[in-house]
Amino acid sequence: VMGEKLKSELQKLAEKFPQIVDVRGKGLMLGMEFATKEQTQSFVKRCLEAGLIVGGTLHTEKVLRIAPPLVIGDEEIAWAVSIMEKAAKEAL
């Protein structure tokens, strides 16, 4: 349930920012693909500066991995998405 909620919120974010070209994954193991490596790096940096840890993937530098704790709740999802939206506004 939380994975679908988070994925839905990330897809809304992708609709606002065309530089986010895909949101994919299952459950709480999700990925966001950006148009360029530089956009991905800038987004990750801004998230980290705001206290949100998102990671890269091994196969491409344009995709970041989002894997929150399995006990995440609505409040934490809203907090994380707000940070990601702010990061996207600054980085993209």
C-alpha atoms as a PDB file:
ATOM      1  CA  VAL A   1       0.000   0.000   0.000  1.00  0.00           C
ATOM      2  CA  MET A   2       2.756   2.468   0.941  1.00  0.00           C
ATOM      3  CA  GLY A   3       4.726   1.547  -2.174  1.00  0.00           C
ATOM      4  CA  GLU A   4       1.773   2.376  -4.407  1.00  0.00           C
ATOM      5  CA  LYS A   5       1.211   5.636  -2.535  1.00  0.00           C
ATOM      6  CA  LEU A   6       4.864   6.667  -2.885  1.00  0.00           C
ATOM      7  CA  LYS A   7       4.983   5.643  -6.549  1.00  0.00           C
ATOM      8  CA  SER A   8       1.831   7.648  -7.249  1.00  0.00           C
ATOM      9  CA  GLU A   9       3.328  10.746  -5.602  1.00  0.00           C
ATOM     10  CA  LEU A  10       6.554  10.344  -7.567  1.00  0.00           C
ATOM     11  CA  GLN A  11       4.601  10.013 -10.813  1.00  0.00           C
ATOM     12  CA  LYS A  12       2.831  13.288 -10.004  1.00  0.00           C
ATOM     13  CA  LEU A  13       6.260  14.844  -9.513  1.00  0.00           C
ATOM     14  CA  ALA A  14       7.355  13.476 -12.907  1.00  0.00           C
ATOM     15  CA  GLU A  15       4.318  15.119 -14.511  1.00  0.00           C
ATOM     16  CA  LYS A  16       5.489  18.504 -13.170  1.00  0.00           C
ATOM     17  CA  PHE A  17       9.104  18.056 -14.238  1.00  0.00           C
ATOM     18  CA  PRO A  18       9.674  16.650 -17.763  1.00  0.00           C
ATOM     19  CA  GLN A  19      13.346  16.036 -16.873  1.00  0.00           C
ATOM     20  CA  ILE A  20      12.083  13.064 -14.824  1.00  0.00           C
ATOM     21  CA  VAL A  21      11.537  10.627 -17.671  1.00  0.00           C
ATOM     22  CA  ASP A  22      10.345   7.558 -15.729  1.00  0.00           C
ATOM     23  CA  VAL A  23       9.242   6.303 -12.338  1.00  0.00           C
ATOM     24  CA  ARG A  24       9.326   2.533 -11.939  1.00  0.00           C
ATOM     25  CA  GLY A  25       9.616  -0.292  -9.478  1.00  0.00           C
ATOM     26  CA  LYS A  26       7.596  -2.518  -7.180  1.00  0.00           C
ATOM     27  CA  GLY A  27       6.601  -2.071  -3.598  1.00  0.00           C
ATOM     28  CA  LEU A  28       8.944   0.306  -1.830  1.00  0.00           C
ATOM     29  CA  MET A  29      11.891  -0.366  -4.162  1.00  0.00           C
ATOM     30  CA  LEU A  30      11.448   2.420  -6.688  1.00  0.00           C
ATOM     31  CA  GLY A  31      13.556   4.217  -9.252  1.00  0.00           C
ATOM     32  CA  MET A  32      13.401   7.621 -10.900  1.00  0.00           C
ATOM     33  CA  GLU A  33      15.130   8.154 -14.220  1.00  0.00           C
ATOM     34  CA  PHE A  34      16.293  11.605 -15.261  1.00  0.00           C
ATOM     35  CA  ALA A  35      17.140  12.855 -18.736  1.00  0.00           C
ATOM     36  CA  THR A  36      20.837  13.403 -17.921  1.00  0.00           C
ATOM     37  CA  LYS A  37      23.479  12.258 -15.487  1.00  0.00           C
ATOM     38  CA  GLU A  38      24.024  15.856 -14.351  1.00  0.00           C
ATOM     39  CA  GLN A  39      20.353  16.313 -13.470  1.00  0.00           C
ATOM     40  CA  THR A  40      20.418  13.104 -11.443  1.00  0.00           C
ATOM     41  CA  GLN A  41      23.536  14.173  -9.546  1.00  0.00           C
ATOM     42  CA  SER A  42      22.166  17.639  -8.836  1.00  0.00           C
ATOM     43  CA  PHE A  43      18.848  16.208  -7.598  1.00  0.00           C
ATOM     44  CA  VAL A  44      20.570  13.663  -5.335  1.00  0.00           C
ATOM     45  CA  LYS A  45      22.859  16.352  -3.898  1.00  0.00           C
ATOM     46  CA  ARG A  46      19.954  18.646  -3.037  1.00  0.00           C
ATOM     47  CA  CYS A  47      17.997  15.795  -1.447  1.00  0.00           C
ATOM     48  CA  LEU A  48      20.999  14.885   0.697  1.00  0.00           C
ATOM     49  CA  GLU A  49      21.478  18.503   1.761  1.00  0.00           C
ATOM     50  CA  ALA A  50      17.854  18.506   2.969  1.00  0.00           C
ATOM     51  CA  GLY A  51      18.306  15.264   4.926  1.00  0.00           C
ATOM     52  CA  LEU A  52      16.802  12.772   2.474  1.00  0.00           C
ATOM     53  CA  ILE A  53      19.023   9.893   1.402  1.00  0.00           C
ATOM     54  CA  VAL A  54      18.482   8.620  -2.136  1.00  0.00           C
ATOM     55  CA  GLY A  55      21.008   6.487  -3.928  1.00  0.00           C
ATOM     56  CA  GLY A  56      22.327   5.722  -7.352  1.00  0.00           C
ATOM     57  CA  THR A  57      22.151   2.468  -9.248  1.00  0.00           C
ATOM     58  CA  LEU A  58      24.920   0.284 -10.593  1.00  0.00           C
ATOM     59  CA  HIS A  59      23.793   0.069 -14.225  1.00  0.00           C
ATOM     60  CA  THR A  60      23.226   3.737 -15.095  1.00  0.00           C
ATOM     61  CA  GLU A  61      24.027   7.169 -13.733  1.00  0.00           C
ATOM     62  CA  LYS A  62      20.651   8.585 -14.799  1.00  0.00           C
ATOM     63  CA  VAL A  63      18.542   6.511 -12.390  1.00  0.00           C
ATOM     64  CA  LEU A  64      18.299   6.994  -8.660  1.00  0.00           C
ATOM     65  CA  ARG A  65      17.026   4.391  -6.242  1.00  0.00           C
ATOM     66  CA  ILE A  66      14.487   5.075  -3.540  1.00  0.00           C
ATOM     67  CA  ALA A  67      14.191   2.356  -0.904  1.00  0.00           C
ATOM     68  CA  PRO A  68      12.629   3.651   2.307  1.00  0.00           C
ATOM     69  CA  PRO A  69      12.164   1.503   5.420  1.00  0.00           C
ATOM     70  CA  LEU A  70       9.259  -0.920   5.144  1.00  0.00           C
ATOM     71  CA  VAL A  71       7.599   0.743   8.150  1.00  0.00           C
ATOM     72  CA  ILE A  72       7.260   4.109   6.375  1.00  0.00           C
ATOM     73  CA  GLY A  73       3.982   5.925   6.910  1.00  0.00           C
ATOM     74  CA  ASP A  74       1.939   8.646   5.269  1.00  0.00           C
ATOM     75  CA  GLU A  75       3.713  11.430   7.141  1.00  0.00           C
ATOM     76  CA  GLU A  76       7.174  10.280   6.074  1.00  0.00           C
ATOM     77  CA  ILE A  77       6.075   9.889   2.457  1.00  0.00           C
ATOM     78  CA  ALA A  78       4.691  13.434   2.440  1.00  0.00           C
ATOM     79  CA  TRP A  79       7.942  14.727   3.994  1.00  0.00           C
ATOM     80  CA  ALA A  80      10.128  12.901   1.452  1.00  0.00           C
ATOM     81  CA  VAL A  81       8.056  14.003  -1.539  1.00  0.00           C
ATOM     82  CA  SER A  82       8.128  17.623  -0.360  1.00  0.00           C
ATOM     83  CA  ILE A  83      11.925  17.475  -0.207  1.00  0.00           C
ATOM     84  CA  MET A  84      12.077  15.874  -3.656  1.00  0.00           C
ATOM     85  CA  GLU A  85       9.802  18.534  -5.118  1.00  0.00           C
ATOM     86  CA  LYS A  86      11.977  21.302  -3.674  1.00  0.00           C
ATOM     87  CA  ALA A  87      15.111  19.529  -4.940  1.00  0.00           C
ATOM     88  CA  ALA A  88      13.588  19.207  -8.407  1.00  0.00           C
ATOM     89  CA  LYS A  89      12.730  22.909  -8.503  1.00  0.00           C
ATOM     90  CA  GLU A  90      16.328  23.778  -7.608  1.00  0.00           C
ATOM     91  CA  ALA A  91      18.132  21.127  -9.655  1.00  0.00           C
ATOM     92  CA  LEU A  92      16.109  20.833 -12.843  1.00  0.00           C
END
